[in-house]
C-alpha atoms as a PDB file:
ATOM      1  CA  MET A   1      35.187  -7.538 -45.450  1.00  0.00           C
ATOM      2  CA  SER A   2      31.872  -8.636 -46.939  1.00  0.00           C
ATOM      3  CA  ALA A   3      29.552 -11.079 -45.280  1.00  0.00           C
ATOM      4  CA  ARG A   4      29.432 -14.240 -47.342  1.00  0.00           C
ATOM      5  CA  LEU A   5      25.682 -14.300 -47.750  1.00  0.00           C
ATOM      6  CA  PRO A   6      23.591 -16.125 -50.355  1.00  0.00           C
ATOM      7  CA  PRO A   7      23.067 -14.226 -53.616  1.00  0.00           C
ATOM      8  CA  ALA A   8      19.691 -12.712 -54.383  1.00  0.00           C
ATOM      9  CA  THR A   9      17.300 -14.562 -56.635  1.00  0.00           C
ATOM     10  CA  ALA A  10      15.874 -12.867 -59.700  1.00  0.00           C
ATOM     11  CA  ASP A  11      12.511 -12.343 -58.015  1.00  0.00           C
ATOM     12  CA  GLU A  12      14.082 -10.907 -54.893  1.00  0.00           C
ATOM     13  CA  GLY A  13      16.214  -8.555 -56.933  1.00  0.00           C
ATOM     14  CA  LYS A  14      13.110  -6.928 -58.396  1.00  0.00           C
ATOM     15  CA  ALA A  15      12.154  -5.661 -54.964  1.00  0.00           C
ATOM     16  CA  ASP A  16      15.630  -4.513 -53.982  1.00  0.00           C
ATOM     17  CA  GLU A  17      16.278  -0.804 -53.628  1.00  0.00           C
ATOM     18  CA  GLY A  18      19.374  -1.112 -55.796  1.00  0.00           C
ATOM     19  CA  ALA A  19      17.123  -1.217 -58.889  1.00  0.00           C
ATOM     20  CA  LEU A  20      15.478   2.102 -57.985  1.00  0.00           C
ATOM     21  CA  PRO A  21      16.685   5.470 -59.284  1.00  0.00           C
ATOM     22  CA  GLU A  22      19.379   6.958 -57.116  1.00  0.00           C
ATOM     23  CA  ARG A  23      20.931  10.304 -56.327  1.00  0.00           C
ATOM     24  CA  ALA A  24      24.612   9.959 -55.501  1.00  0.00           C
ATOM     25  CA  ILE A  25      26.765  12.616 -53.874  1.00  0.00           C
ATOM     26  CA  GLN A  26      30.117  12.746 -52.133  1.00  0.00           C
ATOM     27  CA  LEU A  27      29.036  13.394 -48.558  1.00  0.00           C
ATOM     28  CA  ALA A  28      32.750  13.503 -47.785  1.00  0.00           C
ATOM     29  CA  ALA A  29      35.717  13.557 -50.127  1.00  0.00           C
ATOM     30  CA  ASP A  30      36.062   9.777 -50.024  1.00  0.00           C
ATOM     31  CA  VAL A  31      32.518   8.721 -49.042  1.00  0.00           C
ATOM     32  CA  THR A  32      29.757   8.186 -51.607  1.00  0.00           C
ATOM     33  CA  PHE A  33      26.195   8.639 -50.328  1.00  0.00           C
ATOM     34  CA  SER A  34      23.685   6.990 -52.698  1.00  0.00           C
ATOM     35  CA  ALA A  35      20.066   7.865 -51.939  1.00  0.00           C
ATOM     36  CA  HIS A  36      17.145   5.737 -53.151  1.00  0.00           C
ATOM     37  CA  ALA A  37      13.412   5.675 -52.600  1.00  0.00           C
ATOM     38  CA  LEU A  38      12.185   2.776 -50.488  1.00  0.00           C
ATOM     39  CA  ALA A  39      11.317  -0.463 -52.235  1.00  0.00           C
ATOM     40  CA  GLU A  40       7.531  -0.709 -52.391  1.00  0.00           C
ATOM     41  CA  GLN A  41       7.356  -4.325 -51.279  1.00  0.00           C
ATOM     42  CA  PRO A  42       9.382  -6.834 -49.242  1.00  0.00           C
ATOM     43  CA  PRO A  43      12.102  -7.936 -48.817  1.00  0.00           C
ATOM     44  CA  PHE A  44      13.417  -4.293 -49.007  1.00  0.00           C
ATOM     45  CA  CYS A  45      16.937  -5.685 -49.388  1.00  0.00           C
ATOM     46  CA  ALA A  46      18.126  -8.798 -51.201  1.00  0.00           C
ATOM     47  CA  GLN A  47      21.799  -8.145 -51.854  1.00  0.00           C
ATOM     48  CA  PRO A  48      24.812  -9.078 -49.701  1.00  0.00           C
ATOM     49  CA  LEU A  49      26.892  -6.269 -48.270  1.00  0.00           C
ATOM     50  CA  ARG A  50      29.946  -5.178 -50.235  1.00  0.00           C
ATOM     51  CA  ASP A  51      33.338  -4.228 -48.815  1.00  0.00           C
ATOM     52  CA  GLY A  52      33.188  -0.955 -46.906  1.00  0.00           C
ATOM     53  CA  GLU A  53      29.454  -0.577 -47.494  1.00  0.00           C
ATOM     54  CA  LEU A  54      26.992   0.660 -44.917  1.00  0.00           C
ATOM     55  CA  ARG A  55      23.259   0.465 -45.561  1.00  0.00           C
ATOM     56  CA  LEU A  56      20.635   2.770 -44.139  1.00  0.00           C
ATOM     57  CA  TRP A  57      16.842   2.886 -44.276  1.00  0.00           C
ATOM     58  CA  LEU A  58      14.675   5.888 -43.399  1.00  0.00           C
ATOM     59  CA  LEU A  59      10.950   5.346 -42.958  1.00  0.00           C
ATOM     60  CA  ARG A  60       7.824   6.615 -41.257  1.00  0.00           C
ATOM     61  CA  PRO A  61       5.926   4.523 -38.710  1.00  0.00           C
ATOM     62  CA  GLU A  62       3.022   3.846 -41.054  1.00  0.00           C
ATOM     63  CA  TRP A  63       1.390   0.699 -42.416  1.00  0.00           C
ATOM     64  CA  GLN A  64       2.515   1.438 -45.962  1.00  0.00           C
ATOM     65  CA  LEU A  65       5.361  -1.030 -46.507  1.00  0.00           C
ATOM     66  CA  LEU A  66       3.526  -3.771 -44.620  1.00  0.00           C
ATOM     67  CA  SER A  67      -0.004  -4.195 -43.381  1.00  0.00           C
ATOM     68  CA  LYS A  68      -0.475  -4.290 -39.625  1.00  0.00           C
ATOM     69  CA  GLU A  69      -1.338  -7.986 -39.821  1.00  0.00           C
ATOM     70  CA  ASP A  70       1.761  -8.848 -41.840  1.00  0.00           C
ATOM     71  CA  ALA A  71       3.985  -6.762 -39.592  1.00  0.00           C
ATOM     72  CA  PHE A  72       2.790  -8.366 -36.355  1.00  0.00           C
ATOM     73  CA  ALA A  73       3.073 -11.825 -37.918  1.00  0.00           C
ATOM     74  CA  ARG A  74       6.813 -11.184 -38.316  1.00  0.00           C
ATOM     75  CA  LEU A  75       7.387 -10.190 -34.695  1.00  0.00           C
ATOM     76  CA  SER A  76       8.363 -12.544 -31.905  1.00  0.00           C
ATOM     77  CA  PRO A  77       5.940 -12.992 -28.989  1.00  0.00           C
ATOM     78  CA  PHE A  78       8.178 -10.739 -26.871  1.00  0.00           C
ATOM     79  CA  GLU A  79       8.223  -8.044 -29.554  1.00  0.00           C
ATOM     80  CA  ARG A  80       4.431  -8.135 -29.937  1.00  0.00           C
ATOM     81  CA  LYS A  81       4.031  -7.770 -26.186  1.00  0.00           C
ATOM     82  CA  ARG A  82       6.570  -4.956 -26.083  1.00  0.00           C
ATOM     83  CA  ALA A  83       4.796  -3.062 -28.868  1.00  0.00           C
ATOM     84  CA  LYS A  84       1.581  -3.108 -26.831  1.00  0.00           C
ATOM     85  CA  CYS A  85       3.237  -2.036 -23.554  1.00  0.00           C
ATOM     86  CA  PHE A  86       4.371   1.442 -24.570  1.00  0.00           C
ATOM     87  CA  PRO A  87       2.397   4.141 -22.715  1.00  0.00           C
ATOM     88  CA  GLN A  88       1.689   5.907 -26.016  1.00  0.00           C
ATOM     89  CA  PRO A  89       0.194   3.793 -28.823  1.00  0.00           C
ATOM     90  CA  ALA A  90       2.052   5.858 -31.439  1.00  0.00           C
ATOM     91  CA  ILE A  91       5.394   4.838 -29.906  1.00  0.00           C
ATOM     92  CA  GLY A  92       4.326   1.198 -29.871  1.00  0.00           C
ATOM     93  CA  LYS A  93       3.343   1.457 -33.526  1.00  0.00           C
ATOM     94  CA  ARG A  94       6.707   3.037 -34.347  1.00  0.00           C
ATOM     95  CA  PHE A  95       8.514   0.150 -32.664  1.00  0.00           C
ATOM     96  CA  ALA A  96       6.378  -2.473 -34.431  1.00  0.00           C
ATOM     97  CA  VAL A  97       6.870  -0.935 -37.879  1.00  0.00           C
ATOM     98  CA  GLY A  98      10.606  -0.504 -37.380  1.00  0.00           C
ATOM     99  CA  ARG A  99      11.127  -4.020 -36.052  1.00  0.00           C
ATOM    100  CA  ALA A 100       9.020  -5.648 -38.773  1.00  0.00           C
ATOM    101  CA  VAL A 101      10.924  -3.793 -41.500  1.00  0.00           C
ATOM    102  CA  LEU A 102      14.258  -4.641 -39.841  1.00  0.00           C
ATOM    103  CA  ARG A 103      13.280  -8.305 -39.889  1.00  0.00           C
ATOM    104  CA  GLY A 104      12.383  -7.973 -43.560  1.00  0.00           C
ATOM    105  CA  ILE A 105      15.743  -6.374 -44.334  1.00  0.00           C
ATOM    106  CA  LEU A 106      17.756  -9.045 -42.525  1.00  0.00           C
ATOM    107  CA  GLY A 107      15.600 -11.849 -43.883  1.00  0.00           C
ATOM    108  CA  GLY A 108      16.170 -10.601 -47.424  1.00  0.00           C
ATOM    109  CA  MET A 109      19.919 -10.445 -46.890  1.00  0.00           C
ATOM    110  CA  LEU A 110      20.108 -13.916 -45.391  1.00  0.00           C
ATOM    111  CA  GLY A 111      17.446 -15.700 -47.403  1.00  0.00           C
ATOM    112  CA  VAL A 112      15.524 -16.497 -44.202  1.00  0.00           C
ATOM    113  CA  ALA A 113      11.873 -15.897 -43.341  1.00  0.00           C
ATOM    114  CA  PRO A 114      11.670 -12.690 -41.245  1.00  0.00           C
ATOM    115  CA  GLN A 115       9.784 -14.414 -38.428  1.00  0.00           C
ATOM    116  CA  ALA A 116      12.486 -17.120 -38.209  1.00  0.00           C
ATOM    117  CA  LEU A 117      15.193 -14.657 -37.171  1.00  0.00           C
ATOM    118  CA  GLU A 118      16.223 -14.497 -33.523  1.00  0.00           C
ATOM    119  CA  LEU A 119      16.971 -10.926 -32.447  1.00  0.00           C
ATOM    120  CA  ALA A 120      18.158  -9.820 -29.012  1.00  0.00           C
ATOM    121  CA  ASP A 121      17.513  -6.426 -27.431  1.00  0.00           C
ATOM    122  CA  HIS A 122      20.152  -5.200 -24.992  1.00  0.00           C
ATOM    123  CA  GLU A 123      19.865  -2.682 -22.166  1.00  0.00           C
ATOM    124  CA  SER A 124      22.169  -0.333 -24.068  1.00  0.00           C
ATOM    125  CA  GLY A 125      19.588  -0.172 -26.861  1.00  0.00           C
ATOM    126  CA  ARG A 126      21.616  -2.342 -29.246  1.00  0.00           C
ATOM    127  CA  VAL A 127      19.920  -5.005 -31.327  1.00  0.00           C
ATOM    128  CA  THR A 128      21.884  -8.117 -32.278  1.00  0.00           C
ATOM    129  CA  LEU A 129      21.190 -11.083 -34.532  1.00  0.00           C
ATOM    130  CA  ASP A 130      21.417 -14.309 -32.525  1.00  0.00           C
ATOM    131  CA  SER A 131      20.267 -16.698 -35.251  1.00  0.00           C
ATOM    132  CA  PRO A 132      20.964 -17.740 -37.929  1.00  0.00           C
ATOM    133  CA  ALA A 133      24.734 -17.617 -37.687  1.00  0.00           C
ATOM    134  CA  THR A 134      26.573 -15.743 -40.443  1.00  0.00           C
ATOM    135  CA  ALA A 135      30.159 -16.044 -41.635  1.00  0.00           C
ATOM    136  CA  GLU A 136      30.710 -12.518 -40.365  1.00  0.00           C
ATOM    137  CA  PRO A 137      28.501 -10.839 -37.749  1.00  0.00           C
ATOM    138  CA  LEU A 138      25.969  -8.344 -39.036  1.00  0.00           C
ATOM    139  CA  GLU A 139      25.962  -5.145 -37.008  1.00  0.00           C
ATOM    140  CA  ILE A 140      22.616  -3.403 -36.526  1.00  0.00           C
ATOM    141  CA  ALA A 141      21.754   0.115 -35.403  1.00  0.00           C
ATOM    142  CA  VAL A 142      18.281   1.594 -34.905  1.00  0.00           C
ATOM    143  CA  ALA A 143      17.425   5.178 -33.956  1.00  0.00           C
ATOM    144  CA  TYR A 144      14.251   7.260 -33.795  1.00  0.00           C
ATOM    145  CA  ALA A 145      13.704  10.970 -34.450  1.00  0.00           C
ATOM    146  CA  GLY A 146      10.133  12.192 -34.102  1.00  0.00           C
ATOM    147  CA  ILE A 147       8.110  10.438 -36.798  1.00  0.00           C
ATOM    148  CA  TRP A 148      11.199   8.942 -38.419  1.00  0.00           C
ATOM    149  CA  ILE A 149      12.781   5.506 -37.995  1.00  0.00           C
ATOM    150  CA  LEU A 150      16.429   5.115 -38.992  1.00  0.00           C
ATOM    151  CA  ILE A 151      17.936   1.630 -39.481  1.00  0.00           C
ATOM    152  CA  GLY A 152      21.556   0.788 -40.278  1.00  0.00           C
ATOM    153  CA  VAL A 153      23.201  -2.553 -41.144  1.00  0.00           C
ATOM    154  CA  SER A 154      26.868  -3.307 -41.797  1.00  0.00           C
ATOM    155  CA  THR A 155      29.533  -5.943 -41.221  1.00  0.00           C
ATOM    156  CA  GLN A 156      31.488  -3.492 -39.064  1.00  0.00           C
ATOM    157  CA  PRO A 157      30.450  -1.766 -35.825  1.00  0.00           C
ATOM    158  CA  LEU A 158      28.262   1.246 -36.525  1.00  0.00           C
ATOM    159  CA  GLY A 159      26.275   3.727 -34.507  1.00  0.00           C
ATOM    160  CA  LEU A 160      23.316   5.993 -35.219  1.00  0.00           C
ATOM    161  CA  ALA A 161      22.096   8.915 -33.158  1.00  0.00           C
ATOM    162  CA  THR A 162      19.320  11.404 -33.839  1.00  0.00           C
ATOM    163  CA  ALA A 163      17.702  14.510 -32.411  1.00  0.00           C
ATOM    164  CA  PHE A 164      14.390  16.184 -33.153  1.00  0.00           C
ATOM    165  CA  SER A 165      13.369  19.714 -32.208  1.00  0.00           C
ATOM    166  CA  VAL A 166       9.704  20.672 -31.897  1.00  0.00           C
ATOM    167  CA  GLY A 167      10.647  24.316 -32.381  1.00  0.00           C
ATOM    168  CA  GLU A 168      13.431  25.795 -34.433  1.00  0.00           C
ATOM    169  CA  ALA A 169      16.233  23.891 -36.127  1.00  0.00           C
ATOM    170  CA  VAL A 170      18.493  21.789 -33.926  1.00  0.00           C
ATOM    171  CA  ASP A 171      21.378  23.959 -32.717  1.00  0.00           C
ATOM    172  CA  ARG A 172      25.105  23.353 -33.117  1.00  0.00           C
ATOM    173  CA  ASP A 173      25.589  22.119 -29.567  1.00  0.00           C
ATOM    174  CA  GLU A 174      22.932  19.463 -30.054  1.00  0.00           C
ATOM    175  CA  GLN A 175      24.458  18.439 -33.382  1.00  0.00           C
ATOM    176  CA  HIS A 176      27.804  18.034 -31.649  1.00  0.00           C
ATOM    177  CA  ARG A 177      26.203  15.903 -28.925  1.00  0.00           C
ATOM    178  CA  ILE A 178      24.585  13.694 -31.571  1.00  0.00           C
ATOM    179  CA  ARG A 179      27.929  13.081 -33.285  1.00  0.00           C
ATOM    180  CA  LEU A 180      29.481  11.940 -30.029  1.00  0.00           C
ATOM    181  CA  ALA A 181      26.426   9.840 -29.176  1.00  0.00           C
ATOM    182  CA  SER A 182      26.680   7.985 -32.498  1.00  0.00           C
ATOM    183  CA  VAL A 183      30.247   7.002 -31.604  1.00  0.00           C
ATOM    184  CA  ALA A 184      29.211   5.892 -28.120  1.00  0.00           C
ATOM    185  CA  HIS A 185      26.562   3.637 -29.689  1.00  0.00           C
ATOM    186  CA  ALA A 186      29.053   2.217 -32.199  1.00  0.00           C
ATOM    187  CA  ALA A 187      31.624   1.570 -29.473  1.00  0.00           C
ATOM    188  CA  GLY A 188      29.030  -0.015 -27.185  1.00  0.00           C
ATOM    189  CA  THR A 189      29.555   2.471 -24.353  1.00  0.00           C
ATOM    190  CA  LEU A 190      26.959   4.378 -22.371  1.00  0.00           C
ATOM    191  CA  SER A 191      28.730   7.728 -22.311  1.00  0.00           C
ATOM    192  CA  ALA A 192      30.638   9.915 -24.759  1.00  0.00           C
ATOM    193  CA  ALA A 193      32.353  11.854 -21.966  1.00  0.00           C
ATOM    194  CA  GLY A 194      35.892  12.814 -22.884  1.00  0.00           C
ATOM    195  CA  TYR A 195      35.396  12.266 -26.617  1.00  0.00           C
ATOM    196  CA  LEU A 196      37.064  14.816 -28.889  1.00  0.00           C
ATOM    197  CA  SER A 197      35.415  15.705 -32.200  1.00  0.00           C
ATOM    198  CA  GLN A 198      37.471  17.214 -35.001  1.00  0.00           C
ATOM    199  CA  PRO A 199      35.837  18.453 -38.237  1.00  0.00           C
ATOM    200  CA  LEU A 200      37.502  17.206 -41.413  1.00  0.00           C
ATOM    201  CA  GLU A 201      34.949  18.564 -43.876  1.00  0.00           C
ATOM    202  CA  GLU A 202      31.538  20.208 -43.616  1.00  0.00           C
ATOM    203  CA  HIS A 203      29.661  16.932 -43.080  1.00  0.00           C
ATOM    204  CA  ALA A 204      32.523  14.647 -42.001  1.00  0.00           C
ATOM    205  CA  HIS A 205      34.196  14.457 -38.608  1.00  0.00           C
ATOM    206  CA  ARG A 206      36.758  12.415 -36.732  1.00  0.00           C
ATOM    207  CA  VAL A 207      35.986  11.518 -33.122  1.00  0.00           C
ATOM    208  CA  HIS A 208      38.809  10.367 -30.843  1.00  0.00           C
ATOM    209  CA  THR A 209      37.999   8.360 -27.737  1.00  0.00           C
ATOM    210  CA  HIS A 210      40.115   7.474 -24.734  1.00  0.00           C
ATOM    211  CA  ASP A 211      39.012   3.836 -24.700  1.00  0.00           C
ATOM    212  CA  ALA A 212      37.650   2.877 -28.126  1.00  0.00           C
ATOM    213  CA  GLY A 213      40.036   4.305 -30.710  1.00  0.00           C
ATOM    214  CA  SER A 214      39.169   6.679 -33.526  1.00  0.00           C
ATOM    215  CA  TRP A 215      35.912   6.833 -35.504  1.00  0.00           C
ATOM    216  CA  ARG A 216      34.590   8.543 -38.597  1.00  0.00           C
ATOM    217  CA  VAL A 217      31.283  10.374 -38.281  1.00  0.00           C
ATOM    218  CA  LEU A 218      28.988  11.685 -41.015  1.00  0.00           C
ATOM    219  CA  ASP A 219      26.187  14.205 -40.625  1.00  0.00           C
ATOM    220  CA  LEU A 220      23.303  12.582 -42.501  1.00  0.00           C
ATOM    221  CA  PRO A 221      20.893  14.633 -44.621  1.00  0.00           C
ATOM    222  CA  MET A 222      17.452  14.413 -43.014  1.00  0.00           C
ATOM    223  CA  PRO A 223      13.954  15.712 -43.828  1.00  0.00           C
ATOM    224  CA  GLY A 224      13.504  19.322 -42.696  1.00  0.00           C
ATOM    225  CA  ARG A 225      15.616  21.453 -40.366  1.00  0.00           C
ATOM    226  CA  GLN A 226      14.190  20.032 -37.142  1.00  0.00           C
ATOM    227  CA  CYS A 227      15.778  16.601 -37.466  1.00  0.00           C
ATOM    228  CA  VAL A 228      19.485  15.733 -37.388  1.00  0.00           C
ATOM    229  CA  ALA A 229      21.264  12.394 -37.462  1.00  0.00           C
ATOM    230  CA  ALA A 230      24.837  11.125 -37.367  1.00  0.00           C
ATOM    231  CA  LEU A 231      26.400   7.859 -38.525  1.00  0.00           C
ATOM    232  CA  ALA A 232      29.611   6.517 -36.952  1.00  0.00           C
ATOM    233  CA  ALA A 233      31.849   3.690 -38.179  1.00  0.00           C
ATOM    234  CA  ARG A 234      35.535   2.817 -38.290  1.00  0.00           C
ATOM    235  CA  GLU A 235      35.725   3.074 -42.064  1.00  0.00           C
ATOM    236  CA  MET A 236      33.422   4.583 -44.653  1.00  0.00           C
ATOM    237  CA  ARG A 237      33.596   4.380 -48.411  1.00  0.00           C
ATOM    238  CA  GLU A 238      30.013   3.883 -49.527  1.00  0.00           C
ATOM    239  CA  VAL A 239      26.648   4.479 -47.863  1.00  0.00           C
ATOM    240  CA  GLN A 240      23.538   3.052 -49.538  1.00  0.00           C
ATOM    241  CA  ALA A 241      20.568   5.002 -48.179  1.00  0.00           C
ATOM    242  CA  SER A 242      16.986   3.892 -48.878  1.00  0.00           C
ATOM    243  CA  GLY A 243      14.090   6.199 -48.046  1.00  0.00           C
ATOM    244  CA  TRP A 244      15.859   9.430 -48.953  1.00  0.00           C
ATOM    245  CA  ASN A 245      13.424  10.396 -51.707  1.00  0.00           C
ATOM    246  CA  THR A 246      13.452  13.659 -53.636  1.00  0.00           C
ATOM    247  CA  SER A 247      11.739  15.510 -50.770  1.00  0.00           C
ATOM    248  CA  VAL A 248      14.985  15.209 -48.778  1.00  0.00           C
ATOM    249  CA  LYS A 249      17.389  17.901 -49.909  1.00  0.00           C
ATOM    250  CA  LEU A 250      20.926  16.616 -50.342  1.00  0.00           C
ATOM    251  CA  PRO A 251      23.885  18.951 -49.789  1.00  0.00           C
ATOM    252  CA  PRO A 252      26.319  19.744 -52.609  1.00  0.00           C
ATOM    253  CA  SER A 253      28.966  17.090 -53.194  1.00  0.00           C
ATOM    254  CA  ALA A 254      32.242  17.492 -51.354  1.00  0.00           C
ATOM    255  CA  PRO A 255      35.336  17.875 -53.551  1.00  0.00           C
ATOM    256  CA  ALA A 256      36.773  14.589 -54.765  1.00  0.00           C
ATOM    257  CA  VAL A 257      39.635  13.021 -52.845  1.00  0.00           C
ATOM    258  CA  SER A 258      42.854  14.909 -53.514  1.00  0.00           C
ATOM    259  CA  ASP A 259      46.029  15.863 -51.745  1.00  0.00           C
ATOM    260  CA  THR A 260      44.285  18.596 -49.798  1.00  0.00           C
ATOM    261  CA  ARG A 261      45.275  19.155 -46.203  1.00  0.00           C
ATOM    262  CA  ALA A 262      41.983  17.610 -45.011  1.00  0.00           C
ATOM    263  CA  ALA A 263      42.481  14.514 -47.167  1.00  0.00           C
ATOM    264  CA  ARG A 264      46.056  14.044 -46.004  1.00  0.00           C
ATOM    265  CA  HIS A 265      44.989  14.516 -42.396  1.00  0.00           C
ATOM    266  CA  ALA A 266      42.214  11.924 -42.798  1.00  0.00           C
ATOM    267  CA  ARG A 267      44.693   9.385 -44.160  1.00  0.00           C
ATOM    268  CA  ASP A 268      47.145  10.122 -41.359  1.00  0.00           C
ATOM    269  CA  VAL A 269      44.435   9.609 -38.749  1.00  0.00           C
ATOM    270  CA  GLU A 270      43.308   6.361 -40.418  1.00  0.00           C
ATOM    271  CA  ALA A 271      46.875   5.101 -40.207  1.00  0.00           C
ATOM    272  CA  GLY A 272      47.101   6.045 -36.539  1.00  0.00           C
ATOM    273  CA  SER A 273      43.660   4.855 -35.448  1.00  0.00           C
ATOM    274  CA  GLY A 274      44.980   1.408 -34.675  1.00  0.00           C
ATOM    275  CA  ARG A 275      47.479   2.926 -32.242  1.00  0.00           C
ATOM    276  CA  GLY A 276      44.769   3.934 -29.755  1.00  0.00           C
ATOM    277  CA  PHE A 277      43.857   7.507 -30.655  1.00  0.00           C
END
């Protein structure tokens, strides 16, 4: 279901990533992945979420979308203190940039000043929106991979997990661990022990858990071979991805939905997910 959020104004719409050129592929047979460049100015997002839509943002921890002064003006006193307490200044900068942009994204969606939002950080790493109240809760996921910040927003539970290798490309075992970790984050658990991952297509997987049902997982295209990321959610139909510019190579589109064995299996699993897979 879509959050009943206020529509964008004409001025806000000019800054929204939806007006930017896009590259759309079928990352899975029934999942469209639409990649855009980042909007060059706030609010970075000014459109309400549509049914089944998940939105992602990929950015570097640089003062390019916002100046340092503007970014810190958006943060809460606790967030400003936290940004300065990291042992490495680069990590503090990464947090400050990511949090300021997240506030801009949510503020654009809700029609609220970014600094007026009340966000809560939990020990599990989850970020939640405490205020203002919305008709349907907005789910937030944030992950970091080297120099990259990955942000996700949806009206359904979602999880992001990443890995970055300083040497060769991330190996298959690590990719598998990342898929399970994305589900653990989406389900709000600390461990993915006992989770069973089943490939449906090259970039799409189904993860079964003993305590949190069944989840869909996508391998996200990322810059270079040293960075991998996975997105988990109950349902996926459309992913709007901002920050995936032309330097990020997208894989070939998966075949369209048909009565293939994989497609039939995916539908069967969807039907059974509510029975505690």
